[in-house]
């Protein structure tokens, strides 16, 4: 069964270019230096899933011509990963069903708080219809796709990564313990956050991400959640080891 992964966004919370910034990355004419907030689209023969609804979610769906969406899976509750959720109401209208959401307990509580109107007893017309599933560590399925949660740390916050077959997706992390690393080992493709070259309190740096990818011995790794402080895509790409790449918006990879 062939599955495709499209990077809908590969930027950090401010996106790239960042508002009011005049650095060479934010002013770059290279499209690969333009990064919406971090999200991916997963498509199998029968199932389409998005991981995270960023503030750019509506535009990401339009840009990638997504006409069918079976579920949304969340990594954590920060606004750059959930803020676009209201726009699933378009899929509610087209498909005439509630949108299934999968999230850990903390993220589920944030969704219920921030989008309280979607969970009210008396609902205003036109609000999104949401079907919230709370999941922490258990394997779950959406159509023909199986999701294995991987628990990572984003400073003091728990974030959920996911392994789908031979593909592992982890964003917003600066620590993964050995037990969770075992869930990643054997993957053919790893997506990992790499914010910038300088040390950061809650994200892997470029070198830390390279070291982790090397330790886990995954043949192909893509870095995401990249800030303008990383440097120009073309220049940084030349500095990376074999098998390790910077992801960019619109990049699509195929998995067998």
Protein backbone atom coordinates (compact mmCIF):
# COMPACT_ATOMS: atom_id res chain seq x y z
CA UNK A 1 0.00 0.00 0.00
CA UNK A 2 1.47 3.37 -1.06
CA UNK A 3 1.19 6.35 1.29
CA UNK A 4 2.20 9.93 0.53
CA UNK A 5 3.30 12.58 3.01
CA UNK A 6 3.02 16.24 2.01
CA UNK A 7 4.64 18.93 4.14
CA UNK A 8 1.92 21.58 4.42
CA UNK A 9 4.13 23.78 6.56
CA UNK A 10 7.69 23.51 7.87
CA UNK A 11 8.08 26.74 9.83
CA UNK A 12 8.15 27.57 13.50
CA UNK A 13 5.41 29.49 15.33
CA UNK A 14 6.13 32.83 13.61
CA UNK A 15 6.39 31.34 10.13
CA UNK A 16 8.99 32.43 7.59
CA UNK A 17 9.14 35.23 6.60
CA UNK A 18 8.48 36.57 10.07
CA UNK A 19 6.42 39.73 10.38
CA UNK A 20 8.58 42.89 10.34
CA UNK A 21 11.87 41.00 9.87
CA UNK A 22 14.34 42.14 7.22
CA UNK A 23 16.94 39.35 7.55
CA UNK A 24 18.26 37.62 4.40
CA UNK A 25 16.08 34.55 5.00
CA UNK A 26 12.87 36.54 5.40
CA UNK A 27 13.72 38.55 2.28
CA UNK A 28 14.85 35.51 0.28
CA UNK A 29 13.42 34.96 -3.21
CA UNK A 30 13.84 31.17 -2.82
CA UNK A 31 10.39 29.64 -2.29
CA UNK A 32 11.96 27.01 -0.04
CA UNK A 33 12.68 29.79 2.46
CA UNK A 34 8.94 30.56 2.75
CA UNK A 35 7.53 28.40 5.54
CA UNK A 36 3.97 28.20 6.83
CA UNK A 37 3.36 26.82 10.30
CA UNK A 38 4.19 23.16 10.87
CA UNK A 39 1.79 20.47 9.58
CA UNK A 40 1.67 17.43 7.31
CA UNK A 41 -0.94 15.73 5.12
CA UNK A 42 -0.98 11.93 5.04
CA UNK A 43 -2.78 10.17 2.18
CA UNK A 44 -3.20 6.45 1.65
CA UNK A 45 -5.37 4.76 -0.95
CA UNK A 46 -8.49 5.26 1.18
CA UNK A 47 -7.67 7.73 3.96
CA UNK A 48 -6.58 11.38 4.29
CA UNK A 49 -5.37 12.77 7.62
CA UNK A 50 -3.81 16.06 8.69
CA UNK A 51 -1.47 16.31 11.68
CA UNK A 52 -2.15 19.69 13.38
CA UNK A 53 -4.39 22.56 12.27
CA UNK A 54 -2.09 25.57 12.17
CA UNK A 55 -3.14 29.23 11.85
CA UNK A 56 -2.47 28.64 8.13
CA UNK A 57 -4.78 25.61 7.92
CA UNK A 58 -7.35 27.15 5.55
CA UNK A 59 -4.69 28.31 3.11
CA UNK A 60 -2.83 24.99 3.38
CA UNK A 61 -6.00 23.10 2.41
CA UNK A 62 -6.61 25.41 -0.54
CA UNK A 63 -3.00 25.42 -1.70
CA UNK A 64 -2.84 21.61 -1.68
CA UNK A 65 -6.37 21.16 -3.14
CA UNK A 66 -7.52 18.98 -0.23
CA UNK A 67 -11.13 18.02 -0.93
CA UNK A 68 -11.40 15.09 1.46
CA UNK A 69 -10.28 14.96 5.09
CA UNK A 70 -11.08 11.96 7.29
CA UNK A 71 -9.56 13.11 10.60
CA UNK A 72 -7.18 15.48 12.34
CA UNK A 73 -4.44 14.24 14.68
CA UNK A 74 -2.79 16.66 17.12
CA UNK A 75 0.70 16.76 18.59
CA UNK A 76 0.08 19.35 21.34
CA UNK A 77 -1.92 22.40 22.29
CA UNK A 78 0.29 25.34 21.33
CA UNK A 79 -1.55 27.84 19.14
CA UNK A 80 0.64 27.30 16.09
CA UNK A 81 -0.64 23.70 16.07
CA UNK A 82 -4.36 24.09 16.87
CA UNK A 83 -5.45 27.65 15.99
CA UNK A 84 -6.88 26.81 12.55
CA UNK A 85 -9.29 24.13 13.79
CA UNK A 86 -12.42 26.21 13.20
CA UNK A 87 -11.93 25.88 9.45
CA UNK A 88 -12.72 22.16 9.46
CA UNK A 89 -16.33 23.35 9.31
CA UNK A 90 -15.92 23.49 5.52
CA UNK A 91 -15.36 19.72 5.50
CA UNK A 92 -18.35 19.30 7.84
CA UNK A 93 -20.50 21.11 5.29
CA UNK A 94 -19.18 19.22 2.25
CA UNK A 95 -19.21 15.73 3.80
CA UNK A 96 -22.11 16.17 6.23
CA UNK A 97 -20.36 14.58 9.20
CA UNK A 98 -18.43 15.62 12.29
CA UNK A 99 -14.65 15.78 12.05
CA UNK A 100 -12.90 13.14 14.18
CA UNK A 101 -10.06 14.62 16.27
CA UNK A 102 -7.36 12.61 18.06
CA UNK A 103 -5.35 14.23 20.85
CA UNK A 104 -3.76 13.57 24.22
CA UNK A 105 -5.62 14.64 27.36
CA UNK A 106 -3.94 18.02 27.78
CA UNK A 107 -4.49 18.94 24.12
CA UNK A 108 -8.10 17.76 24.25
CA UNK A 109 -8.76 20.05 27.22
CA UNK A 110 -7.20 23.00 25.37
CA UNK A 111 -9.35 22.32 22.30
CA UNK A 112 -12.48 22.17 24.44
CA UNK A 113 -11.47 25.45 26.13
CA UNK A 114 -10.41 27.39 23.03
CA UNK A 115 -13.24 26.13 20.81
CA UNK A 116 -15.82 25.98 23.61
CA UNK A 117 -18.66 26.96 21.26
CA UNK A 118 -18.23 23.70 19.31
CA UNK A 119 -18.92 21.72 22.50
CA UNK A 120 -21.79 23.83 23.88
CA UNK A 121 -25.16 22.23 24.62
CA UNK A 122 -26.82 24.85 22.44
CA UNK A 123 -24.79 25.34 19.27
CA UNK A 124 -24.88 28.39 17.04
CA UNK A 125 -25.51 27.60 13.34
CA UNK A 126 -22.38 27.21 11.22
CA UNK A 127 -19.92 26.25 13.95
CA UNK A 128 -17.60 23.26 13.40
CA UNK A 129 -18.86 19.78 14.27
CA UNK A 130 -16.11 17.97 16.18
CA UNK A 131 -15.82 14.39 17.44
CA UNK A 132 -13.04 14.39 20.03
CA UNK A 133 -11.10 11.21 20.86
CA UNK A 134 -8.66 11.32 23.77
CA UNK A 135 -5.66 9.06 23.37
CA UNK A 136 -2.33 8.93 25.19
CA UNK A 137 -0.23 5.87 24.36
CA UNK A 138 -2.55 3.38 22.69
CA UNK A 139 -2.21 2.44 19.03
CA UNK A 140 -5.22 3.71 17.07
CA UNK A 141 -6.43 3.50 13.49
CA UNK A 142 -8.01 5.96 11.09
CA UNK A 143 -9.24 4.12 8.02
CA UNK A 144 -6.31 2.07 6.73
CA UNK A 145 -3.68 4.10 8.64
CA UNK A 146 -2.33 2.95 12.02
CA UNK A 147 -0.89 5.53 14.45
CA UNK A 148 1.56 4.63 17.23
CA UNK A 149 1.92 7.57 19.66
CA UNK A 150 5.44 8.52 20.74
CA UNK A 151 5.79 10.66 23.87
CA UNK A 152 8.45 13.39 23.74
CA UNK A 153 9.25 16.46 25.84
CA UNK A 154 9.03 20.11 24.75
CA UNK A 155 10.79 21.57 27.82
CA UNK A 156 8.16 20.79 30.49
CA UNK A 157 5.35 19.98 28.09
CA UNK A 158 4.39 16.56 26.81
CA UNK A 159 4.12 16.39 23.02
CA UNK A 160 2.92 13.40 21.01
CA UNK A 161 4.81 12.25 17.95
CA UNK A 162 3.47 9.48 15.73
CA UNK A 163 4.77 6.47 13.87
CA UNK A 164 2.68 5.44 10.89
CA UNK A 165 4.17 2.27 9.41
CA UNK A 166 7.78 3.02 8.53
CA UNK A 167 7.28 6.78 8.90
CA UNK A 168 7.81 8.73 12.15
CA UNK A 169 6.81 12.36 12.71
CA UNK A 170 8.06 14.37 15.70
CA UNK A 171 7.76 18.10 16.13
CA UNK A 172 8.35 20.49 19.05
CA UNK A 173 10.76 18.40 21.11
CA UNK A 174 14.08 18.75 22.88
CA UNK A 175 14.13 15.38 24.70
CA UNK A 176 13.12 11.80 23.91
CA UNK A 177 13.74 9.06 26.45
CA UNK A 178 15.10 5.64 25.54
CA UNK A 179 11.76 3.85 25.85
CA UNK A 180 10.19 6.17 23.28
CA UNK A 181 13.26 6.02 21.04
CA UNK A 182 12.66 2.30 20.70
CA UNK A 183 9.34 3.10 19.00
CA UNK A 184 11.22 5.11 16.37
CA UNK A 185 13.98 2.61 15.63
CA UNK A 186 13.42 0.71 12.40
CA UNK A 187 11.63 3.59 10.70
CA UNK A 188 12.64 4.25 7.11
CA UNK A 189 11.79 7.95 7.27
CA UNK A 190 11.99 10.27 10.27
CA UNK A 191 10.72 13.85 10.47
CA UNK A 192 12.23 15.77 13.37
CA UNK A 193 12.14 19.37 14.54
CA UNK A 194 15.32 21.42 14.16
CA UNK A 195 14.68 25.04 15.04
CA UNK A 196 18.03 26.75 14.48
CA UNK A 197 21.78 26.31 14.98
CA UNK A 198 21.95 28.10 18.35
CA UNK A 199 20.84 26.43 21.59
CA UNK A 200 17.14 26.68 22.45
CA UNK A 201 15.36 25.80 25.68
CA UNK A 202 12.58 23.69 24.15
CA UNK A 203 13.57 22.64 20.60
CA UNK A 204 16.35 20.54 19.14
CA UNK A 205 19.09 22.56 17.48
CA UNK A 206 20.33 21.56 14.05
CA UNK A 207 23.28 19.64 15.49
CA UNK A 208 21.17 17.96 18.20
CA UNK A 209 18.71 16.81 15.53
CA UNK A 210 21.55 15.50 13.35
CA UNK A 211 23.00 13.63 16.33
CA UNK A 212 19.64 12.07 17.18
CA UNK A 213 18.95 11.01 13.59
CA UNK A 214 22.41 9.46 13.44
CA UNK A 215 21.89 7.65 16.75
CA UNK A 216 18.54 6.22 15.62
CA UNK A 217 20.05 5.08 12.31
CA UNK A 218 17.01 6.05 10.24
CA UNK A 219 18.05 6.00 6.55
CA UNK A 220 16.24 9.20 5.58
CA UNK A 221 15.53 12.15 7.87
CA UNK A 222 13.81 15.46 7.18
CA UNK A 223 14.00 18.44 9.53
CA UNK A 224 10.98 20.67 10.10
CA UNK A 225 9.71 23.43 12.44
CA UNK A 226 12.50 25.62 11.11
CA UNK A 227 12.96 29.29 12.03
CA UNK A 228 14.44 32.12 9.98
CA UNK A 229 17.43 31.90 12.34
CA UNK A 230 18.44 28.59 10.74
CA UNK A 231 19.81 30.33 7.66
CA UNK A 232 19.08 30.01 3.96
CA UNK A 233 17.64 26.65 2.86
CA UNK A 234 20.11 26.26 0.00
CA UNK A 235 23.15 27.00 2.14
CA UNK A 236 22.18 24.85 5.16
CA UNK A 237 21.25 21.93 2.89
CA UNK A 238 24.86 21.80 1.64
CA UNK A 239 26.08 21.34 5.22
CA UNK A 240 23.95 18.29 6.07
CA UNK A 241 25.15 14.67 6.21
CA UNK A 242 24.04 12.14 3.61
CA UNK A 243 20.44 11.05 4.13
CA UNK A 244 19.49 14.16 6.14
CA UNK A 245 17.53 17.01 4.54
CA UNK A 246 15.69 20.21 5.34
CA UNK A 247 12.01 19.77 4.55
CA UNK A 248 10.21 22.57 2.74
CA UNK A 249 6.59 23.50 2.13
CA UNK A 250 5.05 21.39 -0.62
CA UNK A 251 7.64 18.62 -0.41
CA UNK A 252 5.90 15.26 -0.99
CA UNK A 253 7.42 11.89 -0.24
CA UNK A 254 6.06 8.43 -1.04
CA UNK A 255 6.21 5.39 1.24
CA UNK A 256 5.52 1.80 0.24
